[in-house]
Amino acid sequence: QDSWDFISHDEHPVTGAPSYFLHPCQTSNRLKELLKEEKIKLPLLSWLSMILPAVGFKLSSNTFREVQKQLIMDCKSNSLNHLTKDDEEKRT
């Protein structure tokens, strides 16, 4: 199976400009596979890790890992803030 079957390159039907098209079924299946491997689910980052190389966007693995670390820290911080707010609401 072609590893890039979730994306194709063609002319835009209205403008005629070169465009990339995502195939929802293959993208969904691919994303499910990526998310199975992650301990902390970051679907947007997983999606970008799949799409950016397909459209020729170069991102170093170090930069990707730094973005991933920052998003994980933000997620954990938001979860803690959410829990704290829930606890405060229960007390009142």
C-alpha atoms as a PDB file:
ATOM      1  CA  GLN A   1       0.000   0.000   0.000  1.00  0.00           C
ATOM      2  CA  ASP A   2       1.248   3.463  -0.915  1.00  0.00           C
ATOM      3  CA  SER A   3       2.279   5.389   2.205  1.00  0.00           C
ATOM      4  CA  TRP A   4       0.992   8.662   0.695  1.00  0.00           C
ATOM      5  CA  ASP A   5      -2.447   7.405  -0.369  1.00  0.00           C
ATOM      6  CA  PHE A   6      -4.180   9.871   1.952  1.00  0.00           C
ATOM      7  CA  ILE A   7      -3.090  12.927  -0.050  1.00  0.00           C
ATOM      8  CA  SER A   8      -3.081  13.781  -3.729  1.00  0.00           C
ATOM      9  CA  HIS A   9      -1.909  16.690  -5.825  1.00  0.00           C
ATOM     10  CA  ASP A  10      -4.119  18.103  -8.560  1.00  0.00           C
ATOM     11  CA  GLU A  11      -5.528  21.336  -9.933  1.00  0.00           C
ATOM     12  CA  HIS A  12      -8.081  23.154  -7.819  1.00  0.00           C
ATOM     13  CA  PRO A  13     -11.479  22.645  -9.493  1.00  0.00           C
ATOM     14  CA  VAL A  14     -12.357  26.357  -9.404  1.00  0.00           C
ATOM     15  CA  THR A  15      -9.078  28.268  -9.596  1.00  0.00           C
ATOM     16  CA  GLY A  16      -6.953  25.746 -11.485  1.00  0.00           C
ATOM     17  CA  ALA A  17      -4.113  26.390  -9.021  1.00  0.00           C
ATOM     18  CA  PRO A  18      -1.965  23.426  -7.962  1.00  0.00           C
ATOM     19  CA  SER A  19      -3.509  22.069  -4.757  1.00  0.00           C
ATOM     20  CA  TYR A  20      -3.251  19.216  -2.284  1.00  0.00           C
ATOM     21  CA  PHE A  21      -6.337  17.185  -1.441  1.00  0.00           C
ATOM     22  CA  LEU A  22      -6.766  15.036   1.638  1.00  0.00           C
ATOM     23  CA  HIS A  23      -8.748  11.842   1.387  1.00  0.00           C
ATOM     24  CA  PRO A  24     -10.839  11.703   4.594  1.00  0.00           C
ATOM     25  CA  CYS A  25     -11.054   7.919   4.887  1.00  0.00           C
ATOM     26  CA  GLN A  26      -7.335   7.278   4.511  1.00  0.00           C
ATOM     27  CA  THR A  27      -6.440  10.300   6.656  1.00  0.00           C
ATOM     28  CA  SER A  28      -8.744   9.102   9.426  1.00  0.00           C
ATOM     29  CA  ASN A  29      -7.296   5.586   9.355  1.00  0.00           C
ATOM     30  CA  ARG A  30      -3.730   6.885   9.323  1.00  0.00           C
ATOM     31  CA  LEU A  31      -4.412   9.258  12.198  1.00  0.00           C
ATOM     32  CA  LYS A  32      -5.960   6.463  14.279  1.00  0.00           C
ATOM     33  CA  GLU A  33      -2.780   4.439  13.787  1.00  0.00           C
ATOM     34  CA  LEU A  34      -0.585   7.354  14.850  1.00  0.00           C
ATOM     35  CA  LEU A  35      -2.678   8.084  17.941  1.00  0.00           C
ATOM     36  CA  LYS A  36      -2.557   4.447  19.099  1.00  0.00           C
ATOM     37  CA  GLU A  37       1.172   4.900  19.689  1.00  0.00           C
ATOM     38  CA  GLU A  38       0.925   8.137  21.672  1.00  0.00           C
ATOM     39  CA  LYS A  39       0.647   8.206  25.446  1.00  0.00           C
ATOM     40  CA  ILE A  40      -0.696  11.752  25.436  1.00  0.00           C
ATOM     41  CA  LYS A  41      -3.076  12.337  22.537  1.00  0.00           C
ATOM     42  CA  LEU A  42      -2.219  15.372  20.422  1.00  0.00           C
ATOM     43  CA  PRO A  43      -4.314  14.812  17.290  1.00  0.00           C
ATOM     44  CA  LEU A  44      -3.466  18.118  15.616  1.00  0.00           C
ATOM     45  CA  LEU A  45       0.263  17.551  16.031  1.00  0.00           C
ATOM     46  CA  SER A  46      -0.077  13.982  14.788  1.00  0.00           C
ATOM     47  CA  TRP A  47      -2.042  15.207  11.786  1.00  0.00           C
ATOM     48  CA  LEU A  48       0.583  17.865  11.036  1.00  0.00           C
ATOM     49  CA  SER A  49       3.384  15.306  11.338  1.00  0.00           C
ATOM     50  CA  MET A  50       1.633  13.331   8.632  1.00  0.00           C
ATOM     51  CA  ILE A  51       0.683  16.233   6.327  1.00  0.00           C
ATOM     52  CA  LEU A  52       3.666  18.598   6.441  1.00  0.00           C
ATOM     53  CA  PRO A  53       6.167  16.190   4.847  1.00  0.00           C
ATOM     54  CA  ALA A  54       3.613  15.311   2.171  1.00  0.00           C
ATOM     55  CA  VAL A  55       3.441  18.936   1.045  1.00  0.00           C
ATOM     56  CA  GLY A  56       7.205  19.499   1.207  1.00  0.00           C
ATOM     57  CA  PHE A  57       7.356  21.412   4.497  1.00  0.00           C
ATOM     58  CA  LYS A  58      10.673  20.736   6.201  1.00  0.00           C
ATOM     59  CA  LEU A  59      10.671  20.606   9.982  1.00  0.00           C
ATOM     60  CA  SER A  60      13.641  19.262  11.896  1.00  0.00           C
ATOM     61  CA  SER A  61      12.996  16.433  14.339  1.00  0.00           C
ATOM     62  CA  ASN A  62      14.439  18.604  17.130  1.00  0.00           C
ATOM     63  CA  THR A  63      11.952  21.388  16.398  1.00  0.00           C
ATOM     64  CA  PHE A  64       9.115  18.877  16.222  1.00  0.00           C
ATOM     65  CA  ARG A  65      10.086  17.394  19.595  1.00  0.00           C
ATOM     66  CA  GLU A  66      10.280  20.856  21.178  1.00  0.00           C
ATOM     67  CA  VAL A  67       6.800  21.719  19.905  1.00  0.00           C
ATOM     68  CA  GLN A  68       5.561  18.353  21.160  1.00  0.00           C
ATOM     69  CA  LYS A  69       7.091  18.913  24.629  1.00  0.00           C
ATOM     70  CA  GLN A  70       5.559  22.382  24.855  1.00  0.00           C
ATOM     71  CA  LEU A  71       2.113  21.118  23.838  1.00  0.00           C
ATOM     72  CA  ILE A  72       2.313  18.293  26.367  1.00  0.00           C
ATOM     73  CA  MET A  73       3.270  20.742  29.122  1.00  0.00           C
ATOM     74  CA  ASP A  74       0.398  23.022  28.083  1.00  0.00           C
ATOM     75  CA  CYS A  75      -2.037  20.102  28.083  1.00  0.00           C
ATOM     76  CA  LYS A  76      -0.932  19.008  31.540  1.00  0.00           C
ATOM     77  CA  SER A  77      -1.136  22.569  32.826  1.00  0.00           C
ATOM     78  CA  ASN A  78      -4.632  23.032  31.392  1.00  0.00           C
ATOM     79  CA  SER A  79      -5.730  19.712  32.890  1.00  0.00           C
ATOM     80  CA  LEU A  80      -4.456  20.747  36.299  1.00  0.00           C
ATOM     81  CA  ASN A  81      -6.139  24.150  35.990  1.00  0.00           C
ATOM     82  CA  HIS A  82      -9.377  22.451  34.973  1.00  0.00           C
ATOM     83  CA  LEU A  83      -9.189  20.081  37.942  1.00  0.00           C
ATOM     84  CA  THR A  84      -8.480  22.960  40.301  1.00  0.00           C
ATOM     85  CA  LYS A  85     -11.480  24.919  38.979  1.00  0.00           C
ATOM     86  CA  ASP A  86     -13.721  21.850  39.330  1.00  0.00           C
ATOM     87  CA  ASP A  87     -12.547  21.384  42.919  1.00  0.00           C
ATOM     88  CA  GLU A  88     -13.297  25.032  43.723  1.00  0.00           C
ATOM     89  CA  GLU A  89     -16.785  24.750  42.233  1.00  0.00           C
ATOM     90  CA  LYS A  90     -17.503  21.641  44.313  1.00  0.00           C
ATOM     91  CA  ARG A  91     -16.510  23.452  47.501  1.00  0.00           C
ATOM     92  CA  THR A  92     -18.924  26.331  46.927  1.00  0.00           C
END
